[in-house]
Amino acid sequence: MKWIHWRYHLSREIYEQRLADQQYACAICKAETFLVVDHNHATDTVRGLLCQDCNYGLGRFKDDIGRLLAAADYLTGIQAATEA
């Protein structure tokens, strides 16, 4: 827990409050699993707690909302095409 305080300036109490606020689930997919601290890489501001898959996903898309929306559009199109 020391590294979380050192890296993100979060005390154990604040981390645990965030866990409770998120109902102990990932802020994106709602998985009830081990959660990591998600932060803005430019400012180091903590955004929330995510499962590793969601955290890695945001990182792989470089936190680019346009790329994430394009990926959602792509998957929506693929799903629609396979259901037709």
N, C-alpha and C. Protein backbone atom coordinates (compact mmCIF):
# COMPACT_ATOMS: atom_id res chain seq x y z
N MET A 1 0.82 -1.19 0.00
CA MET A 1 0.00 0.00 0.00
C MET A 1 0.87 1.26 0.00
N LYS A 2 2.11 1.14 0.45
CA LYS A 2 2.98 2.32 0.48
C LYS A 2 3.20 2.89 -0.91
N TRP A 3 3.32 2.00 -1.91
CA TRP A 3 3.57 2.50 -3.27
C TRP A 3 2.40 3.31 -3.79
N ILE A 4 1.18 2.97 -3.39
CA ILE A 4 0.01 3.75 -3.83
C ILE A 4 0.09 5.14 -3.24
N HIS A 5 0.45 5.23 -1.97
CA HIS A 5 0.57 6.55 -1.34
C HIS A 5 1.70 7.33 -2.00
N TRP A 6 2.83 6.67 -2.22
CA TRP A 6 3.98 7.34 -2.82
C TRP A 6 3.68 7.78 -4.26
N ARG A 7 3.11 6.88 -5.04
CA ARG A 7 2.90 7.15 -6.48
C ARG A 7 1.72 8.08 -6.74
N TYR A 8 0.62 7.86 -6.04
CA TYR A 8 -0.61 8.59 -6.34
C TYR A 8 -1.08 9.50 -5.22
N HIS A 9 -0.32 9.56 -4.13
CA HIS A 9 -0.67 10.40 -2.97
C HIS A 9 -2.04 10.04 -2.41
N LEU A 10 -2.35 8.75 -2.42
CA LEU A 10 -3.60 8.25 -1.84
C LEU A 10 -3.30 7.56 -0.52
N SER A 11 -3.96 7.97 0.51
CA SER A 11 -3.84 7.25 1.78
C SER A 11 -4.67 5.98 1.69
N ARG A 12 -4.43 5.07 2.60
CA ARG A 12 -5.21 3.83 2.66
C ARG A 12 -6.70 4.18 2.82
N GLU A 13 -7.00 5.18 3.64
CA GLU A 13 -8.38 5.56 3.90
C GLU A 13 -9.07 6.06 2.62
N ILE A 14 -8.37 6.88 1.84
CA ILE A 14 -8.96 7.40 0.60
C ILE A 14 -9.14 6.27 -0.40
N TYR A 15 -8.14 5.39 -0.52
CA TYR A 15 -8.25 4.24 -1.42
C TYR A 15 -9.45 3.39 -1.04
N GLU A 16 -9.59 3.09 0.24
CA GLU A 16 -10.70 2.26 0.70
C GLU A 16 -12.04 2.96 0.51
N GLN A 17 -12.06 4.30 0.64
CA GLN A 17 -13.30 5.03 0.40
C GLN A 17 -13.68 4.97 -1.08
N ARG A 18 -12.68 5.07 -1.95
CA ARG A 18 -12.95 4.94 -3.39
C ARG A 18 -13.49 3.55 -3.71
N LEU A 19 -12.91 2.53 -3.09
CA LEU A 19 -13.41 1.17 -3.28
C LEU A 19 -14.88 1.09 -2.88
N ALA A 20 -15.21 1.62 -1.73
CA ALA A 20 -16.60 1.59 -1.26
C ALA A 20 -17.50 2.40 -2.19
N ASP A 21 -17.04 3.58 -2.62
CA ASP A 21 -17.84 4.43 -3.52
C ASP A 21 -18.16 3.71 -4.83
N GLN A 22 -17.23 2.88 -5.29
CA GLN A 22 -17.41 2.11 -6.53
C GLN A 22 -18.05 0.75 -6.26
N GLN A 23 -18.50 0.52 -5.06
CA GLN A 23 -19.11 -0.74 -4.65
C GLN A 23 -18.18 -1.92 -4.89
N TYR A 24 -16.89 -1.68 -4.67
CA TYR A 24 -15.84 -2.71 -4.77
C TYR A 24 -15.79 -3.35 -6.16
N ALA A 25 -16.11 -2.56 -7.17
CA ALA A 25 -16.14 -3.07 -8.54
C ALA A 25 -15.44 -2.09 -9.48
N CYS A 26 -14.96 -2.61 -10.60
CA CYS A 26 -14.32 -1.81 -11.65
C CYS A 26 -15.28 -0.70 -12.10
N ALA A 27 -14.76 0.51 -12.26
CA ALA A 27 -15.57 1.65 -12.67
C ALA A 27 -16.10 1.50 -14.10
N ILE A 28 -15.49 0.64 -14.90
CA ILE A 28 -15.93 0.46 -16.29
C ILE A 28 -16.80 -0.79 -16.45
N CYS A 29 -16.25 -1.95 -16.14
CA CYS A 29 -16.95 -3.21 -16.42
C CYS A 29 -17.71 -3.78 -15.23
N LYS A 30 -17.51 -3.18 -14.07
CA LYS A 30 -18.19 -3.58 -12.83
C LYS A 30 -17.74 -4.93 -12.28
N ALA A 31 -16.62 -5.46 -12.79
CA ALA A 31 -16.09 -6.72 -12.26
C ALA A 31 -15.66 -6.52 -10.81
N GLU A 32 -16.00 -7.48 -9.98
CA GLU A 32 -15.61 -7.44 -8.57
C GLU A 32 -14.35 -8.26 -8.41
N THR A 33 -13.23 -7.62 -8.66
CA THR A 33 -11.93 -8.27 -8.66
C THR A 33 -10.91 -7.29 -8.10
N PHE A 34 -9.65 -7.66 -8.13
CA PHE A 34 -8.58 -6.76 -7.69
C PHE A 34 -8.61 -5.52 -8.57
N LEU A 35 -8.57 -4.35 -7.96
CA LEU A 35 -8.64 -3.09 -8.70
C LEU A 35 -7.34 -2.32 -8.57
N VAL A 36 -6.93 -1.72 -9.68
CA VAL A 36 -5.72 -0.89 -9.71
C VAL A 36 -6.12 0.57 -9.85
N VAL A 37 -5.19 1.44 -9.52
CA VAL A 37 -5.44 2.88 -9.60
C VAL A 37 -5.28 3.32 -11.05
N ASP A 38 -6.33 3.92 -11.60
CA ASP A 38 -6.27 4.51 -12.94
C ASP A 38 -5.97 6.00 -12.77
N HIS A 39 -5.05 6.49 -13.59
CA HIS A 39 -4.68 7.91 -13.47
C HIS A 39 -4.42 8.52 -14.83
N ASN A 40 -4.52 9.83 -14.88
CA ASN A 40 -4.19 10.59 -16.07
C ASN A 40 -2.66 10.63 -16.16
N HIS A 41 -2.10 10.14 -17.26
CA HIS A 41 -0.66 10.04 -17.39
C HIS A 41 0.01 11.41 -17.51
N ALA A 42 -0.71 12.40 -17.99
CA ALA A 42 -0.14 13.74 -18.14
C ALA A 42 -0.06 14.48 -16.80
N THR A 43 -1.07 14.27 -15.94
CA THR A 43 -1.14 15.02 -14.70
C THR A 43 -0.96 14.17 -13.44
N ASP A 44 -0.97 12.85 -13.59
CA ASP A 44 -0.94 11.89 -12.48
C ASP A 44 -2.17 11.99 -11.58
N THR A 45 -3.22 12.66 -12.04
CA THR A 45 -4.46 12.76 -11.28
C THR A 45 -5.17 11.42 -11.29
N VAL A 46 -5.58 10.96 -10.12
CA VAL A 46 -6.31 9.69 -10.01
C VAL A 46 -7.71 9.88 -10.56
N ARG A 47 -8.12 8.95 -11.45
CA ARG A 47 -9.46 9.00 -12.04
C ARG A 47 -10.41 8.02 -11.37
N GLY A 48 -9.90 6.88 -10.96
CA GLY A 48 -10.75 5.87 -10.36
C GLY A 48 -9.99 4.58 -10.20
N LEU A 49 -10.73 3.52 -9.91
CA LEU A 49 -10.15 2.19 -9.73
C LEU A 49 -10.72 1.27 -10.79
N LEU A 50 -9.84 0.55 -11.47
CA LEU A 50 -10.24 -0.31 -12.58
C LEU A 50 -9.65 -1.70 -12.41
N CYS A 51 -10.30 -2.69 -13.04
CA CYS A 51 -9.68 -4.01 -13.14
C CYS A 51 -8.49 -3.87 -14.09
N GLN A 52 -7.60 -4.83 -14.05
CA GLN A 52 -6.41 -4.74 -14.89
C GLN A 52 -6.75 -4.72 -16.37
N ASP A 53 -7.75 -5.51 -16.80
CA ASP A 53 -8.11 -5.54 -18.21
C ASP A 53 -8.56 -4.16 -18.70
N CYS A 54 -9.45 -3.52 -17.96
CA CYS A 54 -9.94 -2.19 -18.36
C CYS A 54 -8.82 -1.15 -18.32
N ASN A 55 -7.97 -1.24 -17.29
CA ASN A 55 -6.86 -0.31 -17.18
C ASN A 55 -5.89 -0.46 -18.36
N TYR A 56 -5.55 -1.72 -18.69
CA TYR A 56 -4.68 -1.96 -19.84
C TYR A 56 -5.34 -1.50 -21.13
N GLY A 57 -6.65 -1.73 -21.25
CA GLY A 57 -7.36 -1.31 -22.45
C GLY A 57 -7.26 0.19 -22.68
N LEU A 58 -7.49 0.96 -21.63
CA LEU A 58 -7.37 2.41 -21.77
C LEU A 58 -5.95 2.79 -22.16
N GLY A 59 -4.99 2.14 -21.56
CA GLY A 59 -3.59 2.42 -21.88
C GLY A 59 -3.25 2.08 -23.32
N ARG A 60 -3.76 0.95 -23.79
CA ARG A 60 -3.48 0.54 -25.18
C ARG A 60 -4.10 1.51 -26.19
N PHE A 61 -5.21 2.12 -25.79
CA PHE A 61 -5.85 3.12 -26.65
C PHE A 61 -5.31 4.52 -26.36
N LYS A 62 -4.28 4.58 -25.53
CA LYS A 62 -3.59 5.83 -25.19
C LYS A 62 -4.55 6.89 -24.64
N ASP A 63 -5.59 6.44 -23.92
CA ASP A 63 -6.59 7.34 -23.32
C ASP A 63 -7.23 8.26 -24.35
N ASP A 64 -7.23 7.84 -25.61
CA ASP A 64 -7.77 8.65 -26.71
C ASP A 64 -9.25 8.33 -26.91
N ILE A 65 -10.10 9.26 -26.54
CA ILE A 65 -11.55 9.04 -26.63
C ILE A 65 -11.98 8.76 -28.07
N GLY A 66 -11.40 9.43 -29.02
CA GLY A 66 -11.74 9.19 -30.43
C GLY A 66 -11.46 7.75 -30.84
N ARG A 67 -10.31 7.23 -30.44
CA ARG A 67 -9.97 5.84 -30.76
C ARG A 67 -10.91 4.86 -30.06
N LEU A 68 -11.25 5.17 -28.80
CA LEU A 68 -12.18 4.30 -28.07
C LEU A 68 -13.56 4.30 -28.71
N LEU A 69 -14.04 5.48 -29.13
CA LEU A 69 -15.34 5.55 -29.80
C LEU A 69 -15.31 4.85 -31.15
N ALA A 70 -14.20 4.97 -31.87
CA ALA A 70 -14.06 4.28 -33.15
C ALA A 70 -14.08 2.76 -32.93
N ALA A 71 -13.44 2.30 -31.86
CA ALA A 71 -13.46 0.87 -31.55
C ALA A 71 -14.88 0.42 -31.22
N ALA A 72 -15.62 1.22 -30.47
CA ALA A 72 -17.01 0.89 -30.14
C ALA A 72 -17.86 0.85 -31.41
N ASP A 73 -17.65 1.81 -32.30
CA ASP A 73 -18.39 1.82 -33.58
C ASP A 73 -18.06 0.58 -34.39
N TYR A 74 -16.78 0.21 -34.42
CA TYR A 74 -16.35 -0.98 -35.15
C TYR A 74 -17.05 -2.22 -34.60
N LEU A 75 -17.03 -2.39 -33.28
CA LEU A 75 -17.66 -3.56 -32.69
C LEU A 75 -19.17 -3.55 -32.91
N THR A 76 -19.77 -2.41 -32.85
CA THR A 76 -21.22 -2.29 -33.10
C THR A 76 -21.54 -2.71 -34.53
N GLY A 77 -20.71 -2.26 -35.47
CA GLY A 77 -20.90 -2.64 -36.88
C GLY A 77 -20.73 -4.12 -37.11
N ILE A 78 -19.71 -4.70 -36.48
CA ILE A 78 -19.45 -6.14 -36.62
C ILE A 78 -20.63 -6.92 -36.03
N GLN A 79 -21.11 -6.51 -34.88
CA GLN A 79 -22.23 -7.20 -34.24
C GLN A 79 -23.48 -7.12 -35.10
N ALA A 80 -23.75 -5.94 -35.64
CA ALA A 80 -24.93 -5.76 -36.49
C ALA A 80 -24.83 -6.64 -37.75
N ALA A 81 -23.65 -6.72 -38.33
CA ALA A 81 -23.45 -7.50 -39.54
C ALA A 81 -23.63 -8.99 -39.27
N THR A 82 -23.20 -9.45 -38.12
CA THR A 82 -23.31 -10.88 -37.83
C THR A 82 -24.71 -11.27 -37.38
N GLU A 83 -25.50 -10.31 -36.92
CA GLU A 83 -26.86 -10.60 -36.50
C GLU A 83 -27.85 -10.51 -37.67
N ALA A 84 -27.43 -9.92 -38.77
CA ALA A 84 -28.34 -9.73 -39.92
C ALA A 84 -28.52 -11.01 -40.71
